Structures are given as structure tokens and as C-alpha cells.
Amino acid sequence: MFVAIGAFCSFGFLAAHEPLDGALAWRIGYGVAIILCIYCALRLFRGGREKS
């Protein structure tokens, strides 16, 4: 699920590079969302391993 949300946010991030007023806030928001989704997906994938 986090991978799908991250993919959606990456398309939004790319679309935010059109010349619009206030696009900087969208770029920052999408960038933060992408980083958080990648972080959460990696935590979920690595969460099943037991530490030795």
C-alpha cells in the first residue's frame, strides 16, 4: 500500500513542476510524502526479520 501511495506522490511531484502559483508547497508536500512512504515500506519489509 505504501508503494502505491509513493508512486502516486511521485507522479504528483512531477506534475507540480508546471508553472503554477504556489507550486512550491505542493512540491515540498509530495517530496515529504514520498520519503515517508519509502521509509514506511522499508520498515514493513524489514520488520519480519528477527535480530540475532
Foldseek 3Di string as FASTA:
>chain_A
DLVVQLVVLVVQLVVLPDDDPPSVVSNVVSVVSNVVSVVVVVCVVPVVDDDD
